[in-house]
Amino acid sequence: MSKQELPAGAGQVAEHYPEVWDAYAELGRACAESGPLDARTRRLVKLALAVGARSEGAVHSHVRRGLEEGESAAALKQVAMLAIPTLGLPSGVAALTWIEDITES
């Protein structure tokens, strides 16, 4: 993702603190390459982590990226459904609404 495509807050960090952003991006790359998970699995896990953290902005970002990389809306929504027994109905429903903010627009 280029710095121009970043959400507002992350874009500001990238613009004002490029060394920090570059180190953060490198950490993300190194973590992604640290094990055997394929790109699709990593994408869905990262969405699930954003759901678990109750980070609406991160959920939006991961859903946008997932759609751009060919993920189906149905698969992204299933992540929210999987959150229900672990995180509870309110968290799963919130995640579904955040996912649908992007998939239904």
PDB file of N, CA and C in Angstrom:
ATOM      1  N   MET A   1       0.850  -1.168   0.000  1.00  0.00           N
ATOM      2  CA  MET A   1       0.000   0.000   0.000  1.00  0.00           C
ATOM      3  C   MET A   1       0.899   1.234   0.000  1.00  0.00           C
ATOM      4  N   SER A   2       0.670   2.127  -0.942  1.00  0.00           N
ATOM      5  CA  SER A   2       1.477   3.337  -1.001  1.00  0.00           C
ATOM      6  C   SER A   2       1.030   4.311   0.085  1.00  0.00           C
ATOM      7  N   LYS A   3       1.893   5.262   0.368  1.00  0.00           N
ATOM      8  CA  LYS A   3       1.564   6.243   1.406  1.00  0.00           C
ATOM      9  C   LYS A   3       0.336   7.064   1.031  1.00  0.00           C
ATOM     10  N   GLN A   4       0.085   7.241  -0.282  1.00  0.00           N
ATOM     11  CA  GLN A   4      -1.077   8.005  -0.728  1.00  0.00           C
ATOM     12  C   GLN A   4      -2.383   7.252  -0.463  1.00  0.00           C
ATOM     13  N   GLU A   5      -2.340   5.926  -0.357  1.00  0.00           N
ATOM     14  CA  GLU A   5      -3.549   5.123  -0.163  1.00  0.00           C
ATOM     15  C   GLU A   5      -3.868   4.870   1.308  1.00  0.00           C
ATOM     16  N   LEU A   6      -3.065   5.372   2.210  1.00  0.00           N
ATOM     17  CA  LEU A   6      -3.244   5.092   3.630  1.00  0.00           C
ATOM     18  C   LEU A   6      -4.431   5.854   4.206  1.00  0.00           C
ATOM     19  N   PRO A   7      -5.090   5.277   5.236  1.00  0.00           N
ATOM     20  CA  PRO A   7      -6.098   6.040   5.971  1.00  0.00           C
ATOM     21  C   PRO A   7      -5.457   7.295   6.549  1.00  0.00           C
ATOM     22  N   ALA A   8      -6.266   8.277   6.870  1.00  0.00           N
ATOM     23  CA  ALA A   8      -5.779   9.596   7.268  1.00  0.00           C
ATOM     24  C   ALA A   8      -4.734   9.559   8.384  1.00  0.00           C
ATOM     25  N   GLY A   9      -5.024   8.858   9.473  1.00  0.00           N
ATOM     26  CA  GLY A   9      -4.090   8.839  10.608  1.00  0.00           C
ATOM     27  C   GLY A   9      -2.770   8.197  10.252  1.00  0.00           C
ATOM     28  N   ALA A  10      -2.821   7.056   9.600  1.00  0.00           N
ATOM     29  CA  ALA A  10      -1.592   6.375   9.192  1.00  0.00           C
ATOM     30  C   ALA A  10      -0.845   7.204   8.161  1.00  0.00           C
ATOM     31  N   GLY A  11      -1.574   7.841   7.267  1.00  0.00           N
ATOM     32  CA  GLY A  11      -0.941   8.696   6.265  1.00  0.00           C
ATOM     33  C   GLY A  11      -0.192   9.853   6.884  1.00  0.00           C
ATOM     34  N   GLN A  12      -0.738  10.402   7.959  1.00  0.00           N
ATOM     35  CA  GLN A  12      -0.057  11.497   8.651  1.00  0.00           C
ATOM     36  C   GLN A  12       1.229  11.014   9.303  1.00  0.00           C
ATOM     37  N   VAL A  13       1.184   9.834   9.912  1.00  0.00           N
ATOM     38  CA  VAL A  13       2.400   9.266  10.499  1.00  0.00           C
ATOM     39  C   VAL A  13       3.442   9.044   9.402  1.00  0.00           C
ATOM     40  N   ALA A  14       3.010   8.460   8.292  1.00  0.00           N
ATOM     41  CA  ALA A  14       3.930   8.184   7.184  1.00  0.00           C
ATOM     42  C   ALA A  14       4.549   9.473   6.647  1.00  0.00           C
ATOM     43  N   GLU A  15       3.751  10.514   6.571  1.00  0.00           N
ATOM     44  CA  GLU A  15       4.242  11.793   6.040  1.00  0.00           C
ATOM     45  C   GLU A  15       5.176  12.503   7.014  1.00  0.00           C
ATOM     46  N   HIS A  16       4.797  12.555   8.273  1.00  0.00           N
ATOM     47  CA  HIS A  16       5.560  13.320   9.258  1.00  0.00           C
ATOM     48  C   HIS A  16       6.715  12.544   9.885  1.00  0.00           C
ATOM     49  N   TYR A  17       6.616  11.222   9.882  1.00  0.00           N
ATOM     50  CA  TYR A  17       7.635  10.379  10.500  1.00  0.00           C
ATOM     51  C   TYR A  17       7.999   9.240   9.548  1.00  0.00           C
ATOM     52  N   PRO A  18       8.590   9.555   8.407  1.00  0.00           N
ATOM     53  CA  PRO A  18       8.840   8.510   7.401  1.00  0.00           C
ATOM     54  C   PRO A  18       9.744   7.386   7.892  1.00  0.00           C
ATOM     55  N   GLU A  19      10.697   7.686   8.758  1.00  0.00           N
ATOM     56  CA  GLU A  19      11.575   6.626   9.265  1.00  0.00           C
ATOM     57  C   GLU A  19      10.783   5.632  10.108  1.00  0.00           C
ATOM     58  N   VAL A  20       9.863   6.143  10.918  1.00  0.00           N
ATOM     59  CA  VAL A  20       9.022   5.279  11.746  1.00  0.00           C
ATOM     60  C   VAL A  20       8.110   4.443  10.838  1.00  0.00           C
ATOM     61  N   TRP A  21       7.516   5.091   9.843  1.00  0.00           N
ATOM     62  CA  TRP A  21       6.624   4.366   8.938  1.00  0.00           C
ATOM     63  C   TRP A  21       7.379   3.277   8.182  1.00  0.00           C
ATOM     64  N   ASP A  22       8.567   3.597   7.692  1.00  0.00           N
ATOM     65  CA  ASP A  22       9.354   2.607   6.952  1.00  0.00           C
ATOM     66  C   ASP A  22       9.709   1.413   7.842  1.00  0.00           C
ATOM     67  N   ALA A  23      10.067   1.679   9.093  1.00  0.00           N
ATOM     68  CA  ALA A  23      10.391   0.590  10.023  1.00  0.00           C
ATOM     69  C   ALA A  23       9.145  -0.251  10.312  1.00  0.00           C
ATOM     70  N   TYR A  24       8.016   0.409  10.470  1.00  0.00           N
ATOM     71  CA  TYR A  24       6.748  -0.292  10.714  1.00  0.00           C
ATOM     72  C   TYR A  24       6.385  -1.172   9.519  1.00  0.00           C
ATOM     73  N   ALA A  25       6.534  -0.638   8.316  1.00  0.00           N
ATOM     74  CA  ALA A  25       6.229  -1.407   7.108  1.00  0.00           C
ATOM     75  C   ALA A  25       7.161  -2.608   6.983  1.00  0.00           C
ATOM     76  N   GLU A  26       8.420  -2.429   7.318  1.00  0.00           N
ATOM     77  CA  GLU A  26       9.375  -3.537   7.267  1.00  0.00           C
ATOM     78  C   GLU A  26       9.028  -4.598   8.305  1.00  0.00           C
ATOM     79  N   LEU A  27       8.603  -4.172   9.495  1.00  0.00           N
ATOM     80  CA  LEU A  27       8.171  -5.128  10.513  1.00  0.00           C
ATOM     81  C   LEU A  27       6.988  -5.946  10.000  1.00  0.00           C
ATOM     82  N   GLY A  28       6.030  -5.294   9.369  1.00  0.00           N
ATOM     83  CA  GLY A  28       4.880  -5.997   8.805  1.00  0.00           C
ATOM     84  C   GLY A  28       5.301  -7.021   7.763  1.00  0.00           C
ATOM     85  N   ARG A  29       6.233  -6.641   6.899  1.00  0.00           N
ATOM     86  CA  ARG A  29       6.726  -7.555   5.874  1.00  0.00           C
ATOM     87  C   ARG A  29       7.414  -8.757   6.514  1.00  0.00           C
ATOM     88  N   ALA A  30       8.275  -8.486   7.494  1.00  0.00           N
ATOM     89  CA  ALA A  30       9.010  -9.568   8.160  1.00  0.00           C
ATOM     90  C   ALA A  30       8.044 -10.521   8.879  1.00  0.00           C
ATOM     91  N   CYS A  31       7.029  -9.972   9.535  1.00  0.00           N
ATOM     92  CA  CYS A  31       6.047 -10.818  10.222  1.00  0.00           C
ATOM     93  C   CYS A  31       5.269 -11.670   9.223  1.00  0.00           C
ATOM     94  N   ALA A  32       4.898 -11.082   8.095  1.00  0.00           N
ATOM     95  CA  ALA A  32       4.152 -11.816   7.078  1.00  0.00           C
ATOM     96  C   ALA A  32       4.965 -12.979   6.525  1.00  0.00           C
ATOM     97  N   GLU A  33       6.269 -12.802   6.430  1.00  0.00           N
ATOM     98  CA  GLU A  33       7.139 -13.826   5.851  1.00  0.00           C
ATOM     99  C   GLU A  33       7.712 -14.787   6.892  1.00  0.00           C
ATOM    100  N   SER A  34       7.279 -14.675   8.139  1.00  0.00           N
ATOM    101  CA  SER A  34       7.884 -15.452   9.224  1.00  0.00           C
ATOM    102  C   SER A  34       7.374 -16.883   9.338  1.00  0.00           C
ATOM    103  N   GLY A  35       6.382 -17.233   8.545  1.00  0.00           N
ATOM    104  CA  GLY A  35       5.819 -18.574   8.679  1.00  0.00           C
ATOM    105  C   GLY A  35       5.184 -19.054   7.397  1.00  0.00           C
ATOM    106  N   PRO A  36       4.471 -20.167   7.485  1.00  0.00           N
ATOM    107  CA  PRO A  36       3.976 -20.827   6.281  1.00  0.00           C
ATOM    108  C   PRO A  36       2.611 -20.344   5.774  1.00  0.00           C
ATOM    109  N   LEU A  37       1.948 -19.417   6.453  1.00  0.00           N
ATOM    110  CA  LEU A  37       0.604 -19.018   6.026  1.00  0.00           C
ATOM    111  C   LEU A  37       0.647 -18.332   4.665  1.00  0.00           C
ATOM    112  N   ASP A  38      -0.320 -18.662   3.822  1.00  0.00           N
ATOM    113  CA  ASP A  38      -0.390 -18.015   2.511  1.00  0.00           C
ATOM    114  C   ASP A  38      -1.038 -16.639   2.656  1.00  0.00           C
ATOM    115  N   ALA A  39      -1.005 -15.872   1.580  1.00  0.00           N
ATOM    116  CA  ALA A  39      -1.486 -14.489   1.623  1.00  0.00           C
ATOM    117  C   ALA A  39      -2.956 -14.400   2.019  1.00  0.00           C
ATOM    118  N   ARG A  40      -3.789 -15.298   1.508  1.00  0.00           N
ATOM    119  CA  ARG A  40      -5.210 -15.244   1.832  1.00  0.00           C
ATOM    120  C   ARG A  40      -5.442 -15.521   3.310  1.00  0.00           C
ATOM    121  N   THR A  41      -4.773 -16.513   3.846  1.00  0.00           N
ATOM    122  CA  THR A  41      -4.933 -16.828   5.262  1.00  0.00           C
ATOM    123  C   THR A  41      -4.463 -15.662   6.118  1.00  0.00           C
ATOM    124  N   ARG A  42      -3.319 -15.089   5.779  1.00  0.00           N
ATOM    125  CA  ARG A  42      -2.825 -13.922   6.536  1.00  0.00           C
ATOM    126  C   ARG A  42      -3.824 -12.777   6.489  1.00  0.00           C
ATOM    127  N   ARG A  43      -4.421 -12.538   5.330  1.00  0.00           N
ATOM    128  CA  ARG A  43      -5.386 -11.452   5.169  1.00  0.00           C
ATOM    129  C   ARG A  43      -6.578 -11.662   6.096  1.00  0.00           C
ATOM    130  N   LEU A  44      -7.122 -12.882   6.144  1.00  0.00           N
ATOM    131  CA  LEU A  44      -8.283 -13.149   6.984  1.00  0.00           C
ATOM    132  C   LEU A  44      -7.924 -13.124   8.467  1.00  0.00           C
ATOM    133  N   VAL A  45      -6.738 -13.599   8.815  1.00  0.00           N
ATOM    134  CA  VAL A  45      -6.292 -13.545  10.212  1.00  0.00           C
ATOM    135  C   VAL A  45      -6.152 -12.089  10.650  1.00  0.00           C
ATOM    136  N   LYS A  46      -5.575 -11.256   9.803  1.00  0.00           N
ATOM    137  CA  LYS A  46      -5.414  -9.846  10.178  1.00  0.00           C
ATOM    138  C   LYS A  46      -6.763  -9.162  10.348  1.00  0.00           C
ATOM    139  N   LEU A  47      -7.728  -9.502   9.505  1.00  0.00           N
ATOM    140  CA  LEU A  47      -9.079  -8.967   9.691  1.00  0.00           C
ATOM    141  C   LEU A  47      -9.643  -9.445  11.021  1.00  0.00           C
ATOM    142  N   ALA A  48      -9.478 -10.717  11.331  1.00  0.00           N
ATOM    143  CA  ALA A  48      -9.985 -11.252  12.598  1.00  0.00           C
ATOM    144  C   ALA A  48      -9.327 -10.565  13.789  1.00  0.00           C
ATOM    145  N   LEU A  49      -8.042 -10.292  13.696  1.00  0.00           N
ATOM    146  CA  LEU A  49      -7.366  -9.587  14.792  1.00  0.00           C
ATOM    147  C   LEU A  49      -7.922  -8.177  14.957  1.00  0.00           C
ATOM    148  N   ALA A  50      -8.207  -7.501  13.852  1.00  0.00           N
ATOM    149  CA  ALA A  50      -8.802  -6.164  13.922  1.00  0.00           C
ATOM    150  C   ALA A  50     -10.192  -6.230  14.549  1.00  0.00           C
ATOM    151  N   VAL A  51     -10.950  -7.269  14.199  1.00  0.00           N
ATOM    152  CA  VAL A  51     -12.273  -7.463  14.806  1.00  0.00           C
ATOM    153  C   VAL A  51     -12.118  -7.669  16.310  1.00  0.00           C
ATOM    154  N   GLY A  52     -11.201  -8.546  16.708  1.00  0.00           N
ATOM    155  CA  GLY A  52     -10.995  -8.831  18.127  1.00  0.00           C
ATOM    156  C   GLY A  52     -10.534  -7.616  18.913  1.00  0.00           C
ATOM    157  N   ALA A  53      -9.782  -6.741  18.256  1.00  0.00           N
ATOM    158  CA  ALA A  53      -9.320  -5.515  18.903  1.00  0.00           C
ATOM    159  C   ALA A  53     -10.402  -4.434  18.910  1.00  0.00           C
ATOM    160  N   ARG A  54     -11.527  -4.723  18.258  1.00  0.00           N
ATOM    161  CA  ARG A  54     -12.639  -3.769  18.123  1.00  0.00           C
ATOM    162  C   ARG A  54     -12.174  -2.455  17.510  1.00  0.00           C
ATOM    163  N   SER A  55     -11.343  -2.582  16.480  1.00  0.00           N
ATOM    164  CA  SER A  55     -10.814  -1.415  15.788  1.00  0.00           C
ATOM    165  C   SER A  55     -11.556  -1.219  14.472  1.00  0.00           C
ATOM    166  N   GLU A  56     -12.543  -0.359  14.497  1.00  0.00           N
ATOM    167  CA  GLU A  56     -13.366  -0.118  13.313  1.00  0.00           C
ATOM    168  C   GLU A  56     -12.516   0.331  12.123  1.00  0.00           C
ATOM    169  N   GLY A  57     -11.590   1.236  12.361  1.00  0.00           N
ATOM    170  CA  GLY A  57     -10.744   1.714  11.277  1.00  0.00           C
ATOM    171  C   GLY A  57      -9.903   0.610  10.670  1.00  0.00           C
ATOM    172  N   ALA A  58      -9.347  -0.254  11.509  1.00  0.00           N
ATOM    173  CA  ALA A  58      -8.533  -1.358  10.997  1.00  0.00           C
ATOM    174  C   ALA A  58      -9.395  -2.363  10.246  1.00  0.00           C
ATOM    175  N   VAL A  59     -10.615  -2.616  10.738  1.00  0.00           N
ATOM    176  CA  VAL A  59     -11.525  -3.512  10.023  1.00  0.00           C
ATOM    177  C   VAL A  59     -11.821  -2.934   8.644  1.00  0.00           C
ATOM    178  N   HIS A  60     -12.166  -1.661   8.581  1.00  0.00           N
ATOM    179  CA  HIS A  60     -12.419  -1.020   7.293  1.00  0.00           C
ATOM    180  C   HIS A  60     -11.214  -1.180   6.371  1.00  0.00           C
ATOM    181  N   SER A  61     -10.033  -0.913   6.888  1.00  0.00           N
ATOM    182  CA  SER A  61      -8.817  -0.996   6.078  1.00  0.00           C
ATOM    183  C   SER A  61      -8.584  -2.401   5.547  1.00  0.00           C
ATOM    184  N   HIS A  62      -8.730  -3.404   6.417  1.00  0.00           N
ATOM    185  CA  HIS A  62      -8.490  -4.787   5.991  1.00  0.00           C
ATOM    186  C   HIS A  62      -9.563  -5.269   5.016  1.00  0.00           C
ATOM    187  N   VAL A  63     -10.786  -4.806   5.179  1.00  0.00           N
ATOM    188  CA  VAL A  63     -11.851  -5.177   4.239  1.00  0.00           C
ATOM    189  C   VAL A  63     -11.575  -4.547   2.878  1.00  0.00           C
ATOM    190  N   ARG A  64     -11.229  -3.263   2.859  1.00  0.00           N
ATOM    191  CA  ARG A  64     -10.905  -2.606   1.578  1.00  0.00           C
ATOM    192  C   ARG A  64      -9.778  -3.339   0.871  1.00  0.00           C
ATOM    193  N   ARG A  65      -8.723  -3.638   1.618  1.00  0.00           N
ATOM    194  CA  ARG A  65      -7.570  -4.326   1.039  1.00  0.00           C
ATOM    195  C   ARG A  65      -7.965  -5.722   0.573  1.00  0.00           C
ATOM    196  N   GLY A  66      -8.763  -6.424   1.364  1.00  0.00           N
ATOM    197  CA  GLY A  66      -9.203  -7.754   0.977  1.00  0.00           C
ATOM    198  C   GLY A  66      -9.979  -7.743  -0.332  1.00  0.00           C
ATOM    199  N   LEU A  67     -10.906  -6.798  -0.465  1.00  0.00           N
ATOM    200  CA  LEU A  67     -11.680  -6.701  -1.704  1.00  0.00           C
ATOM    201  C   LEU A  67     -10.784  -6.375  -2.887  1.00  0.00           C
ATOM    202  N   GLU A  68      -9.831  -5.459  -2.678  1.00  0.00           N
ATOM    203  CA  GLU A  68      -8.894  -5.097  -3.749  1.00  0.00           C
ATOM    204  C   GLU A  68      -8.050  -6.293  -4.186  1.00  0.00           C
ATOM    205  N   GLU A  69      -7.785  -7.203  -3.258  1.00  0.00           N
ATOM    206  CA  GLU A  69      -6.954  -8.365  -3.554  1.00  0.00           C
ATOM    207  C   GLU A  69      -7.788  -9.583  -3.945  1.00  0.00           C
ATOM    208  N   GLY A  70      -9.083  -9.372  -4.208  1.00  0.00           N
ATOM    209  CA  GLY A  70      -9.921 -10.426  -4.746  1.00  0.00           C
ATOM    210  C   GLY A  70     -10.691 -11.266  -3.746  1.00  0.00           C
ATOM    211  N   GLU A  71     -10.685 -10.867  -2.484  1.00  0.00           N
ATOM    212  CA  GLU A  71     -11.434 -11.628  -1.476  1.00  0.00           C
ATOM    213  C   GLU A  71     -12.924 -11.385  -1.673  1.00  0.00           C
ATOM    214  N   SER A  72     -13.731 -12.392  -1.396  1.00  0.00           N
ATOM    215  CA  SER A  72     -15.181 -12.234  -1.530  1.00  0.00           C
ATOM    216  C   SER A  72     -15.759 -11.554  -0.292  1.00  0.00           C
ATOM    217  N   ALA A  73     -16.823 -10.817  -0.509  1.00  0.00           N
ATOM    218  CA  ALA A  73     -17.524 -10.193   0.618  1.00  0.00           C
ATOM    219  C   ALA A  73     -18.036 -11.265   1.576  1.00  0.00           C
ATOM    220  N   ALA A  74     -18.465 -12.390   1.042  1.00  0.00           N
ATOM    221  CA  ALA A  74     -18.982 -13.469   1.889  1.00  0.00           C
ATOM    222  C   ALA A  74     -17.915 -13.993   2.850  1.00  0.00           C
ATOM    223  N   ALA A  75     -16.696 -14.165   2.363  1.00  0.00           N
ATOM    224  CA  ALA A  75     -15.613 -14.647   3.237  1.00  0.00           C
ATOM    225  C   ALA A  75     -15.295 -13.620   4.315  1.00  0.00           C
ATOM    226  N   LEU A  76     -15.288 -12.352   3.944  1.00  0.00           N
ATOM    227  CA  LEU A  76     -14.994 -11.300   4.924  1.00  0.00           C
ATOM    228  C   LEU A  76     -16.085 -11.245   5.995  1.00  0.00           C
ATOM    229  N   LYS A  77     -17.331 -11.394   5.576  1.00  0.00           N
ATOM    230  CA  LYS A  77     -18.439 -11.382   6.534  1.00  0.00           C
ATOM    231  C   LYS A  77     -18.396 -12.608   7.439  1.00  0.00           C
ATOM    232  N   GLN A  78     -17.910 -13.732   6.933  1.00  0.00           N
ATOM    233  CA  GLN A  78     -17.827 -14.931   7.777  1.00  0.00           C
ATOM    234  C   GLN A  78     -16.878 -14.708   8.947  1.00  0.00           C
ATOM    235  N   VAL A  79     -15.873 -13.874   8.766  1.00  0.00           N
ATOM    236  CA  VAL A  79     -14.981 -13.548   9.885  1.00  0.00           C
ATOM    237  C   VAL A  79     -15.796 -12.961  11.034  1.00  0.00           C
ATOM    238  N   ALA A  80     -16.740 -12.088  10.728  1.00  0.00           N
ATOM    239  CA  ALA A  80     -17.599 -11.515  11.776  1.00  0.00           C
ATOM    240  C   ALA A  80     -18.455 -12.592  12.427  1.00  0.00           C
ATOM    241  N   MET A  81     -18.968 -13.514  11.632  1.00  0.00           N
ATOM    242  CA  MET A  81     -19.784 -14.595  12.185  1.00  0.00           C
ATOM    243  C   MET A  81     -18.954 -15.483  13.112  1.00  0.00           C
ATOM    244  N   LEU A  82     -17.707 -15.728  12.743  1.00  0.00           N
ATOM    245  CA  LEU A  82     -16.831 -16.539  13.591  1.00  0.00           C
ATOM    246  C   LEU A  82     -16.491 -15.838  14.903  1.00  0.00           C
ATOM    247  N   ALA A  83     -16.602 -14.515  14.913  1.00  0.00           N
ATOM    248  CA  ALA A  83     -16.321 -13.757  16.135  1.00  0.00           C
ATOM    249  C   ALA A  83     -17.412 -13.939  17.186  1.00  0.00           C
ATOM    250  N   ILE A  84     -18.624 -14.272  16.771  1.00  0.00           N
ATOM    251  CA  ILE A  84     -19.752 -14.318  17.701  1.00  0.00           C
ATOM    252  C   ILE A  84     -19.526 -15.281  18.862  1.00  0.00           C
ATOM    253  N   PRO A  85     -19.163 -16.552  18.632  1.00  0.00           N
ATOM    254  CA  PRO A  85     -19.007 -17.451  19.791  1.00  0.00           C
ATOM    255  C   PRO A  85     -17.786 -17.131  20.645  1.00  0.00           C
ATOM    256  N   THR A  86     -16.793 -16.485  20.076  1.00  0.00           N
ATOM    257  CA  THR A  86     -15.581 -16.176  20.829  1.00  0.00           C
ATOM    258  C   THR A  86     -15.657 -14.834  21.541  1.00  0.00           C
ATOM    259  N   LEU A  87     -16.116 -13.805  20.823  1.00  0.00           N
ATOM    260  CA  LEU A  87     -16.123 -12.445  21.365  1.00  0.00           C
ATOM    261  C   LEU A  87     -17.487 -12.000  21.878  1.00  0.00           C
ATOM    262  N   GLY A  88     -18.533 -12.706  21.460  1.00  0.00           N
ATOM    263  CA  GLY A  88     -19.883 -12.345  21.867  1.00  0.00           C
ATOM    264  C   GLY A  88     -20.670 -11.731  20.720  1.00  0.00           C
ATOM    265  N   LEU A  89     -21.986 -11.825  20.831  1.00  0.00           N
ATOM    266  CA  LEU A  89     -22.883 -11.325  19.795  1.00  0.00           C
ATOM    267  C   LEU A  89     -22.668  -9.839  19.511  1.00  0.00           C
ATOM    268  N   PRO A  90     -22.584  -8.963  20.523  1.00  0.00           N
ATOM    269  CA  PRO A  90     -22.408  -7.545  20.212  1.00  0.00           C
ATOM    270  C   PRO A  90     -21.139  -7.263  19.403  1.00  0.00           C
ATOM    271  N   SER A  91     -20.048  -7.927  19.740  1.00  0.00           N
ATOM    272  CA  SER A  91     -18.801  -7.708  19.005  1.00  0.00           C
ATOM    273  C   SER A  91     -18.900  -8.231  17.572  1.00  0.00           C
ATOM    274  N   GLY A  92     -19.514  -9.392  17.410  1.00  0.00           N
ATOM    275  CA  GLY A  92     -19.674  -9.944  16.071  1.00  0.00           C
ATOM    276  C   GLY A  92     -20.581  -9.095  15.208  1.00  0.00           C
ATOM    277  N   VAL A  93     -21.660  -8.599  15.776  1.00  0.00           N
ATOM    278  CA  VAL A  93     -22.577  -7.739  15.026  1.00  0.00           C
ATOM    279  C   VAL A  93     -21.895  -6.417  14.674  1.00  0.00           C
ATOM    280  N   ALA A  94     -21.143  -5.856  15.615  1.00  0.00           N
ATOM    281  CA  ALA A  94     -20.409  -4.622  15.313  1.00  0.00           C
ATOM    282  C   ALA A  94     -19.445  -4.861  14.159  1.00  0.00           C
ATOM    283  N   ALA A  95     -18.725  -5.967  14.202  1.00  0.00           N
ATOM    284  CA  ALA A  95     -17.782  -6.279  13.133  1.00  0.00           C
ATOM    285  C   ALA A  95     -18.500  -6.430  11.803  1.00  0.00           C
ATOM    286  N   LEU A  96     -19.649  -7.081  11.807  1.00  0.00           N
ATOM    287  CA  LEU A  96     -20.408  -7.252  10.573  1.00  0.00           C
ATOM    288  C   LEU A  96     -20.812  -5.900   9.998  1.00  0.00           C
ATOM    289  N   THR A  97     -21.259  -5.001  10.855  1.00  0.00           N
ATOM    290  CA  THR A  97     -21.655  -3.673  10.350  1.00  0.00           C
ATOM    291  C   THR A  97     -20.446  -2.928   9.784  1.00  0.00           C
ATOM    292  N   TRP A  98     -19.271  -3.057  10.405  1.00  0.00           N
ATOM    293  CA  TRP A  98     -18.074  -2.385   9.888  1.00  0.00           C
ATOM    294  C   TRP A  98     -17.663  -2.980   8.553  1.00  0.00           C
ATOM    295  N   ILE A  99     -17.777  -4.300   8.426  1.00  0.00           N
ATOM    296  CA  ILE A  99     -17.442  -4.958   7.171  1.00  0.00           C
ATOM    297  C   ILE A  99     -18.418  -4.521   6.088  1.00  0.00           C
ATOM    298  N   GLU A 100     -19.701  -4.485   6.436  1.00  0.00           N
ATOM    299  CA  GLU A 100     -20.717  -4.078   5.468  1.00  0.00           C
ATOM    300  C   GLU A 100     -20.630  -2.599   5.112  1.00  0.00           C
ATOM    301  N   ASP A 101     -20.045  -1.765   5.983  1.00  0.00           N
ATOM    302  CA  ASP A 101     -19.795  -0.370   5.611  1.00  0.00           C
ATOM    303  C   ASP A 101     -19.033  -0.314   4.288  1.00  0.00           C
ATOM    304  N   ILE A 102     -18.157  -1.268   4.086  1.00  0.00           N
ATOM    305  CA  ILE A 102     -17.309  -1.276   2.883  1.00  0.00           C
ATOM    306  C   ILE A 102     -17.899  -2.177   1.799  1.00  0.00           C
ATOM    307  N   THR A 103     -18.359  -3.365   2.167  1.00  0.00           N
ATOM    308  CA  THR A 103     -18.825  -4.319   1.148  1.00  0.00           C
ATOM    309  C   THR A 103     -20.157  -3.891   0.531  1.00  0.00           C
ATOM    310  N   GLU A 104     -20.947  -3.131   1.253  1.00  0.00           N
ATOM    311  CA  GLU A 104     -22.266  -2.731   0.756  1.00  0.00           C
ATOM    312  C   GLU A 104     -22.275  -1.326   0.180  1.00  0.00           C
ATOM    313  N   SER A 105     -21.130  -0.669   0.137  1.00  0.00           N
ATOM    314  CA  SER A 105     -21.115   0.719  -0.379  1.00  0.00           C
ATOM    315  C   SER A 105     -20.879   0.763  -1.858  1.00  0.00           C
TER     316      SER A 105
END
